[in-house]
Protein backbone atom coordinates (compact mmCIF):
# COMPACT_ATOMS: atom_id res chain seq x y z
CA MET A 1 122.73 66.55 67.89
CA HIS A 2 120.49 63.58 68.43
CA LEU A 3 117.46 65.42 70.26
CA GLY A 4 114.96 64.58 67.43
CA VAL A 5 113.63 61.67 69.38
CA VAL A 6 113.82 63.42 72.59
CA VAL A 7 111.93 66.56 71.42
CA GLY A 8 109.17 64.04 70.13
CA ILE A 9 108.99 62.48 73.48
CA LEU A 10 108.91 65.82 75.29
CA TYR A 11 105.88 67.02 73.09
CA CYS A 12 104.05 64.08 74.75
CA LEU A 13 105.09 65.09 78.25
CA GLN A 14 104.50 68.79 78.08
CA PHE A 15 101.28 68.57 80.01
CA SER A 16 102.55 65.98 82.28
CA ARG A 17 102.90 67.47 85.90
CA GLU A 18 105.20 64.71 87.03
CA LEU A 19 107.53 62.29 85.26
CA SER A 20 106.42 59.53 87.06
CA ASP A 21 106.84 55.85 86.53
CA GLU A 22 103.32 55.81 85.01
CA GLU A 23 104.66 58.31 82.33
CA VAL A 24 107.71 56.00 81.78
CA GLN A 25 105.36 53.20 80.98
CA ARG A 26 103.18 55.43 78.72
CA ILE A 27 106.03 56.68 76.72
CA ALA A 28 107.47 53.10 76.56
CA ASP A 29 104.26 51.95 75.15
CA MET A 30 104.35 54.89 72.44
CA VAL A 31 107.98 53.88 71.35
CA LEU A 32 106.98 50.37 71.05
CA GLU A 33 103.45 50.74 69.62
CA ARG A 34 103.42 54.21 67.93
CA PRO A 35 107.12 54.91 66.70
CA ILE A 36 108.10 58.66 66.55
CA HIS A 37 108.89 59.74 63.25
CA ASP A 38 108.18 56.16 61.88
CA LEU A 39 111.75 55.17 63.24
CA THR A 40 112.21 51.58 64.09
CA ILE A 41 112.40 50.71 67.87
CA GLU A 42 116.09 50.47 67.80
CA GLU A 43 116.48 53.80 65.98
CA GLN A 44 114.34 55.46 68.87
CA TYR A 45 116.40 53.68 71.46
CA ALA A 46 119.73 54.77 69.73
CA GLY A 47 118.54 58.33 69.69
CA ILE A 48 117.64 58.42 73.23
CA GLU A 49 120.87 56.93 74.23
CA ALA A 50 122.83 59.17 72.02
CA SER A 51 121.19 62.36 73.58
CA LEU A 52 122.11 61.29 77.05
CA ALA A 53 125.66 60.91 76.00
CA VAL A 54 125.83 64.53 74.90
CA VAL A 55 127.26 66.60 77.81
CA VAL A 56 125.63 69.92 76.74
CA TRP A 57 122.07 70.14 75.00
CA GLU A 58 122.01 72.94 72.42
CA GLU A 59 118.31 72.60 71.70
CA ASP A 60 116.15 75.29 73.30
CA LEU A 61 113.65 73.29 75.59
CA SER A 62 112.51 76.25 77.43
CA TRP A 63 108.84 75.64 75.94
CA GLN A 64 108.41 72.71 78.18
CA PRO A 65 107.97 72.55 81.94
CA HIS A 66 110.64 70.04 83.01
CA ASP A 67 114.25 70.84 83.72
CA GLU A 68 117.15 69.20 81.94
CA LEU A 69 118.05 67.24 85.03
CA SER A 70 114.55 65.70 85.32
CA ILE A 71 114.33 64.95 81.61
CA ARG A 72 117.82 63.31 81.59
CA ASP A 73 116.69 61.13 84.64
CA PHE A 74 113.34 60.36 82.90
CA LEU A 75 115.20 59.16 79.72
CA ARG A 76 117.47 56.95 81.77
CA ARG A 77 114.39 55.32 83.26
CA LEU A 78 112.65 55.09 79.96
CA LEU A 79 115.80 53.18 78.51
CA GLU A 80 115.58 50.75 81.52
CA ARG A 81 112.00 50.18 80.92
CA LEU A 82 112.48 49.55 77.31
CA ASP A 83 115.47 46.90 78.03
CA ALA A 84 112.94 45.25 80.68
CA LEU A 85 110.39 44.84 77.70
CA ARG A 86 112.87 43.15 75.38
CA PRO A 87 112.50 41.23 73.16
CA TRP A 88 110.71 43.89 71.22
CA GLN A 89 107.88 43.15 68.82
CA GLU A 90 107.61 45.22 65.61
CA PRO A 91 104.93 47.93 65.79
CA PRO A 92 101.48 47.29 64.44
CA PHE A 93 102.55 49.32 61.35
CA ARG A 94 105.29 51.82 60.36
CA SER A 95 105.52 54.01 57.30
CA LEU A 96 108.28 53.35 54.87
CA GLY A 97 108.14 56.53 52.57
CA PHE A 98 107.73 56.64 48.82
CA GLY A 99 111.10 55.32 47.75
CA ARG A 100 109.35 52.37 45.81
CA TRP A 101 106.25 54.34 44.91
CA GLU A 102 106.53 53.40 41.25
CA GLU A 103 106.43 49.66 42.02
CA TYR A 104 103.31 50.11 44.31
CA LYS A 105 101.46 52.36 41.61
CA ARG A 106 101.83 49.36 39.25
CA GLY A 107 101.22 46.69 41.95
CA THR A 108 98.37 44.47 42.63
CA ARG A 109 94.98 45.82 44.07
CA LEU A 110 94.10 43.58 46.95
CA ALA A 111 91.08 45.51 48.42
CA HIS A 112 89.04 48.69 48.41
CA VAL A 113 88.99 50.59 51.50
CA ARG A 114 86.34 53.07 52.60
CA LEU A 115 88.07 56.16 54.35
CA TYR A 116 86.49 58.31 56.83
CA SER A 117 87.39 62.02 57.42
CA PRO A 118 90.98 62.59 58.39
CA SER A 119 90.07 63.56 61.81
CA GLN A 120 88.30 60.38 62.48
CA ASP A 121 90.64 58.08 60.43
CA PRO A 122 94.31 57.68 61.44
CA MET A 123 95.28 56.13 58.18
CA HIS A 124 93.64 58.88 56.13
CA ALA A 125 95.23 61.46 58.26
CA ARG A 126 98.70 59.97 57.31
CA LEU A 127 98.07 60.02 53.44
CA ARG A 128 100.13 62.41 51.59
CA THR A 129 100.32 63.63 47.92
CA VAL A 130 103.05 61.66 46.41
CA PRO A 131 105.86 64.13 45.17
CA GLY A 132 105.94 64.08 41.38
CA ASP A 133 103.12 61.83 40.74
CA LYS A 134 101.25 63.05 37.55
CA ASP A 135 98.07 61.86 38.90
CA ARG A 136 98.39 63.75 42.16
CA LEU A 137 97.50 60.53 44.01
CA ARG A 138 97.82 60.35 47.83
CA GLY A 139 99.61 57.44 49.39
CA LEU A 140 100.71 55.65 52.25
CA VAL A 141 103.37 52.82 52.22
CA LEU A 142 103.44 50.55 55.30
CA ARG A 143 105.26 47.74 56.86
CA LEU A 144 102.79 45.70 58.97
CA ARG A 145 103.74 43.62 62.31
CA SER A 146 103.24 40.73 60.12
CA ALA A 147 106.01 41.72 57.86
CA ASP A 148 103.66 42.29 54.90
CA GLU A 149 104.31 45.72 52.91
CA VAL A 150 101.58 47.44 51.53
CA ALA A 151 100.43 50.72 50.27
CA LEU A 152 97.20 52.63 50.77
CA VAL A 153 96.52 54.69 47.67
CA ALA A 154 93.75 57.35 47.25
CA PRO A 155 92.79 60.09 44.65
CA PRO A 156 93.17 63.76 45.54
CA LEU A 157 90.72 65.35 47.82
CA PRO A 158 87.76 66.24 47.92
CA ASN A 159 86.74 62.97 46.32
CA GLY A 160 89.28 60.78 47.68
CA TYR A 161 87.59 58.82 50.37
CA ASP A 162 87.68 55.51 48.09
CA ALA A 163 91.23 54.00 48.66
CA VAL A 164 92.79 50.87 47.36
CA LEU A 165 95.02 48.57 49.22
CA VAL A 166 98.09 47.59 47.09
CA ALA A 167 100.96 45.06 47.37
CA VAL A 168 104.03 44.38 45.16
CA PRO A 169 104.67 40.87 44.12
CA PRO A 170 105.66 38.45 45.50
CA HIS A 171 103.44 38.89 48.49
CA ARG A 172 101.29 36.50 50.39
CA PRO A 173 97.82 35.40 49.37
CA ALA A 174 95.56 38.35 49.30
CA ALA A 175 93.10 37.14 51.97
CA LYS A 176 96.14 36.89 54.34
CA VAL A 177 97.35 40.39 53.68
CA ILE A 178 94.13 41.88 53.94
CA GLU A 179 93.57 40.13 57.31
CA ALA A 180 96.97 41.48 58.65
CA PHE A 181 95.93 44.97 57.50
CA LEU A 182 92.66 44.73 59.36
CA THR A 183 94.44 43.35 62.47
CA HIS A 184 97.25 45.90 62.67
CA THR A 185 95.72 49.02 61.64
CA GLY A 186 92.37 48.46 63.51
CA TYR A 187 90.01 48.92 60.41
CA ALA A 188 86.60 47.47 60.79
CA GLN A 189 86.13 44.54 58.39
CA ASP A 190 83.11 46.33 56.69
CA ARG A 191 85.30 49.09 55.32
CA VAL A 192 87.47 46.72 53.42
CA SER A 193 86.32 44.58 50.49
CA PRO A 194 88.45 42.25 48.33
CA ALA A 195 89.28 43.73 44.97
CA VAL A 196 89.53 41.96 41.53
CA ARG A 197 93.36 41.38 41.35
CA ARG A 198 94.74 43.46 38.49
CA PRO A 199 97.54 45.92 38.25
CA LEU A 200 97.00 49.55 39.52
CA ARG A 201 97.07 52.06 36.60
């Protein structure tokens, strides 16, 4: 069953009274700018397409107000809208998981980042304790629209509001990567200050 992406979409539609063209545009923007489950746009599109190809949905969707016929029609219109918006840009940022965590942990500090509370700071809210890390560091590995890949690293709470921005060599000059981080995450410049470049221990 390929309903994972569809269920994510339906959670965003559960309070929508009508599945209008305006809602199609809103969800298309979400798919392009704020990926569901940090999937690529192509993966989200394929998930929607695969769900439409399934004759009978086995997932219990009784929790949301729209019937299956209406949902399927909405998803078809969503695919049409996404097709109309090609060529697609990469989203501003996308999480990459912790597969290369040890490289980032030994990577190069680019900047110090002042975090706000998780309720006010989307990046802080996405930080997770790294499984198996002996220092119990919290991290978030990102691919930016600029194609730069960076990690935001913070100590455990409650004293974990001073994070560092890290990259793995080879990478672009620190100033360029920091600029891309600011642009694509929306952080204010006064919250990010260049660091002395040395390995993160």
